[in-house]
C-alpha atoms as a PDB file:
ATOM      1  CA  UNK A   1    -136.344 -11.923 -14.724  1.00  0.00           C
ATOM      2  CA  UNK A   2    -134.072  -8.964 -13.930  1.00  0.00           C
ATOM      3  CA  UNK A   3    -130.849 -10.700 -14.865  1.00  0.00           C
ATOM      4  CA  UNK A   4    -129.679 -10.805 -11.249  1.00  0.00           C
ATOM      5  CA  UNK A   5    -128.549 -13.908  -9.331  1.00  0.00           C
ATOM      6  CA  UNK A   6    -131.117 -15.547  -7.034  1.00  0.00           C
ATOM      7  CA  UNK A   7    -129.227 -14.442  -3.944  1.00  0.00           C
ATOM      8  CA  UNK A   8    -129.662 -10.800  -4.974  1.00  0.00           C
ATOM      9  CA  UNK A   9    -133.379 -11.198  -4.332  1.00  0.00           C
ATOM     10  CA  UNK A  10    -132.786 -12.520  -0.816  1.00  0.00           C
ATOM     11  CA  UNK A  11    -130.597  -9.527   0.059  1.00  0.00           C
ATOM     12  CA  UNK A  12    -133.136  -7.100  -1.404  1.00  0.00           C
ATOM     13  CA  UNK A  13    -135.950  -8.874   0.440  1.00  0.00           C
ATOM     14  CA  UNK A  14    -134.138  -8.651   3.774  1.00  0.00           C
ATOM     15  CA  UNK A  15    -133.741  -4.908   3.341  1.00  0.00           C
ATOM     16  CA  UNK A  16    -137.406  -4.482   2.407  1.00  0.00           C
ATOM     17  CA  UNK A  17    -138.551  -6.533   5.410  1.00  0.00           C
ATOM     18  CA  UNK A  18    -136.638  -4.222   7.754  1.00  0.00           C
ATOM     19  CA  UNK A  19    -138.350  -1.190   6.193  1.00  0.00           C
ATOM     20  CA  UNK A  20    -141.800  -2.773   6.460  1.00  0.00           C
ATOM     21  CA  UNK A  21    -141.331  -3.907  10.063  1.00  0.00           C
ATOM     22  CA  UNK A  22    -140.109  -0.476  11.125  1.00  0.00           C
ATOM     23  CA  UNK A  23    -143.133   1.184   9.456  1.00  0.00           C
ATOM     24  CA  UNK A  24    -145.814  -1.107  10.942  1.00  0.00           C
ATOM     25  CA  UNK A  25    -146.134   0.475  14.420  1.00  0.00           C
ATOM     26  CA  UNK A  26    -146.532   3.945  12.886  1.00  0.00           C
ATOM     27  CA  UNK A  27    -149.278   2.563  10.651  1.00  0.00           C
ATOM     28  CA  UNK A  28    -151.158   1.046  13.597  1.00  0.00           C
ATOM     29  CA  UNK A  29    -150.278  -2.545  12.697  1.00  0.00           C
ATOM     30  CA  UNK A  30    -150.016  -4.567  15.917  1.00  0.00           C
ATOM     31  CA  UNK A  31    -149.135  -8.018  14.533  1.00  0.00           C
ATOM     32  CA  UNK A  32    -147.172  -9.183  11.516  1.00  0.00           C
ATOM     33  CA  UNK A  33    -145.809 -12.599  10.625  1.00  0.00           C
ATOM     34  CA  UNK A  34    -143.009 -12.919   8.122  1.00  0.00           C
ATOM     35  CA  UNK A  35    -142.603 -16.247   6.383  1.00  0.00           C
ATOM     36  CA  UNK A  36    -138.806 -16.170   6.291  1.00  0.00           C
ATOM     37  CA  UNK A  37    -138.030 -19.824   5.517  1.00  0.00           C
ATOM     38  CA  UNK A  38    -140.512 -22.599   4.868  1.00  0.00           C
ATOM     39  CA  UNK A  39    -139.941 -26.297   5.387  1.00  0.00           C
ATOM     40  CA  UNK A  40    -140.099 -26.616   1.590  1.00  0.00           C
ATOM     41  CA  UNK A  41    -137.110 -24.223   1.261  1.00  0.00           C
ATOM     42  CA  UNK A  42    -134.759 -27.006   2.363  1.00  0.00           C
ATOM     43  CA  UNK A  43    -135.072 -28.272  -1.230  1.00  0.00           C
ATOM     44  CA  UNK A  44    -133.201 -25.210  -2.521  1.00  0.00           C
ATOM     45  CA  UNK A  45    -129.501 -25.522  -3.385  1.00  0.00           C
ATOM     46  CA  UNK A  46    -127.282 -25.813  -0.289  1.00  0.00           C
ATOM     47  CA  UNK A  47    -125.446 -22.606  -1.196  1.00  0.00           C
ATOM     48  CA  UNK A  48    -128.738 -20.690  -1.281  1.00  0.00           C
ATOM     49  CA  UNK A  49    -129.926 -22.145   2.046  1.00  0.00           C
ATOM     50  CA  UNK A  50    -126.592 -21.166   3.600  1.00  0.00           C
ATOM     51  CA  UNK A  51    -126.939 -17.563   2.432  1.00  0.00           C
ATOM     52  CA  UNK A  52    -130.547 -17.360   3.624  1.00  0.00           C
ATOM     53  CA  UNK A  53    -129.527 -18.483   7.114  1.00  0.00           C
ATOM     54  CA  UNK A  54    -126.572 -16.096   7.082  1.00  0.00           C
ATOM     55  CA  UNK A  55    -129.012 -13.266   6.318  1.00  0.00           C
ATOM     56  CA  UNK A  56    -131.416 -14.447   9.031  1.00  0.00           C
ATOM     57  CA  UNK A  57    -128.573 -14.774  11.538  1.00  0.00           C
ATOM     58  CA  UNK A  58    -127.290 -11.313  10.688  1.00  0.00           C
ATOM     59  CA  UNK A  59    -130.807  -9.927  11.086  1.00  0.00           C
ATOM     60  CA  UNK A  60    -131.143 -11.586  14.511  1.00  0.00           C
ATOM     61  CA  UNK A  61    -127.878 -10.135  15.803  1.00  0.00           C
ATOM     62  CA  UNK A  62    -128.021  -6.685  14.191  1.00  0.00           C
ATOM     63  CA  UNK A  63    -131.620  -5.658  13.541  1.00  0.00           C
ATOM     64  CA  UNK A  64    -133.641  -7.596  16.130  1.00  0.00           C
ATOM     65  CA  UNK A  65    -132.041  -5.951  19.199  1.00  0.00           C
ATOM     66  CA  UNK A  66    -132.874  -2.493  17.830  1.00  0.00           C
ATOM     67  CA  UNK A  67    -136.477  -3.544  17.172  1.00  0.00           C
ATOM     68  CA  UNK A  68    -136.820  -5.054  20.651  1.00  0.00           C
ATOM     69  CA  UNK A  69    -135.491  -1.858  22.230  1.00  0.00           C
ATOM     70  CA  UNK A  70    -138.233  -0.019  20.318  1.00  0.00           C
ATOM     71  CA  UNK A  71    -141.012  -2.186  21.783  1.00  0.00           C
ATOM     72  CA  UNK A  72    -141.179  -5.051  19.280  1.00  0.00           C
ATOM     73  CA  UNK A  73    -141.899  -8.543  20.630  1.00  0.00           C
ATOM     74  CA  UNK A  74    -140.439 -11.347  18.529  1.00  0.00           C
ATOM     75  CA  UNK A  75    -141.983 -14.820  18.303  1.00  0.00           C
ATOM     76  CA  UNK A  76    -140.777 -17.872  16.417  1.00  0.00           C
ATOM     77  CA  UNK A  77    -143.205 -20.145  14.610  1.00  0.00           C
ATOM     78  CA  UNK A  78    -141.908 -23.370  13.122  1.00  0.00           C
ATOM     79  CA  UNK A  79    -139.886 -26.465  13.780  1.00  0.00           C
ATOM     80  CA  UNK A  80    -136.628 -26.161  15.685  1.00  0.00           C
ATOM     81  CA  UNK A  81    -134.988 -29.196  14.086  1.00  0.00           C
ATOM     82  CA  UNK A  82    -132.798 -29.185  11.999  1.00  0.00           C
ATOM     83  CA  UNK A  83    -131.879 -25.546  12.719  1.00  0.00           C
ATOM     84  CA  UNK A  84    -128.306 -25.183  13.974  1.00  0.00           C
ATOM     85  CA  UNK A  85    -127.602 -24.745  17.688  1.00  0.00           C
ATOM     86  CA  UNK A  86    -125.957 -21.379  17.016  1.00  0.00           C
ATOM     87  CA  UNK A  87    -128.924 -20.125  15.013  1.00  0.00           C
ATOM     88  CA  UNK A  88    -131.387 -21.355  17.655  1.00  0.00           C
ATOM     89  CA  UNK A  89    -129.390 -19.635  20.415  1.00  0.00           C
ATOM     90  CA  UNK A  90    -129.567 -16.327  18.526  1.00  0.00           C
ATOM     91  CA  UNK A  91    -133.251 -16.843  17.767  1.00  0.00           C
ATOM     92  CA  UNK A  92    -134.092 -17.734  21.370  1.00  0.00           C
ATOM     93  CA  UNK A  93    -132.138 -14.762  22.702  1.00  0.00           C
ATOM     94  CA  UNK A  94    -133.935 -12.362  20.372  1.00  0.00           C
ATOM     95  CA  UNK A  95    -137.358 -13.805  21.246  1.00  0.00           C
ATOM     96  CA  UNK A  96    -136.655 -13.842  24.992  1.00  0.00           C
ATOM     97  CA  UNK A  97    -135.755 -10.151  25.043  1.00  0.00           C
ATOM     98  CA  UNK A  98    -139.376  -9.183  25.603  1.00  0.00           C
ATOM     99  CA  UNK A  99    -139.897  -5.467  26.060  1.00  0.00           C
ATOM    100  CA  UNK A 100    -141.839  -4.386  29.148  1.00  0.00           C
ATOM    101  CA  UNK A 101    -144.358  -2.674  26.910  1.00  0.00           C
ATOM    102  CA  UNK A 102    -144.808  -4.347  23.555  1.00  0.00           C
ATOM    103  CA  UNK A 103    -146.073  -2.093  20.817  1.00  0.00           C
ATOM    104  CA  UNK A 104    -145.881  -4.626  18.042  1.00  0.00           C
ATOM    105  CA  UNK A 105    -145.536  -8.422  17.725  1.00  0.00           C
ATOM    106  CA  UNK A 106    -143.412  -9.732  14.888  1.00  0.00           C
ATOM    107  CA  UNK A 107    -143.815 -13.423  14.131  1.00  0.00           C
ATOM    108  CA  UNK A 108    -140.863 -15.104  12.465  1.00  0.00           C
ATOM    109  CA  UNK A 109    -142.004 -18.178  10.554  1.00  0.00           C
ATOM    110  CA  UNK A 110    -138.706 -20.011  10.178  1.00  0.00           C
ATOM    111  CA  UNK A 111    -138.755 -23.671   9.173  1.00  0.00           C
ATOM    112  CA  UNK A 112    -142.517 -23.463   9.052  1.00  0.00           C
ATOM    113  CA  UNK A 113    -144.936 -25.070   6.630  1.00  0.00           C
ATOM    114  CA  UNK A 114    -148.604 -25.900   6.422  1.00  0.00           C
ATOM    115  CA  UNK A 115    -147.959 -29.555   5.645  1.00  0.00           C
ATOM    116  CA  UNK A 116    -145.465 -29.772   8.500  1.00  0.00           C
ATOM    117  CA  UNK A 117    -148.030 -28.287  10.880  1.00  0.00           C
ATOM    118  CA  UNK A 118    -150.644 -30.859   9.848  1.00  0.00           C
ATOM    119  CA  UNK A 119    -148.125 -33.701  10.186  1.00  0.00           C
ATOM    120  CA  UNK A 120    -147.054 -32.479  13.637  1.00  0.00           C
ATOM    121  CA  UNK A 121    -150.666 -32.085  14.776  1.00  0.00           C
ATOM    122  CA  UNK A 122    -151.563 -35.630  13.701  1.00  0.00           C
ATOM    123  CA  UNK A 123    -148.450 -37.029  15.391  1.00  0.00           C
ATOM    124  CA  UNK A 124    -149.531 -35.428  18.685  1.00  0.00           C
ATOM    125  CA  UNK A 125    -152.969 -37.121  18.633  1.00  0.00           C
END
């Protein structure tokens, strides 16, 4: 609608998420879940999926450590497969770095979907 490429929106969204997450504790928000990548997003063009995971990986290595040092607890919600081993290692490291005193819990819904959750729940029965 704005004449920009699709990837422009992902970059702008990543910046906005950082601003929102950093503002939440000051606003008294204790929990927030960000739906960063749904299971349905795998249907996007490969080039777009690649850029999304590059942005998420960059966020995990650059922004997440700063948030954790400021009392933010990170949690992952979603399927681990088929996420890459490198991405999972960065995700696990960020989530494991639990601050002694958590001020705010940020849920990262990555490779998460309502249909996938129902399918997984039925498979466990």
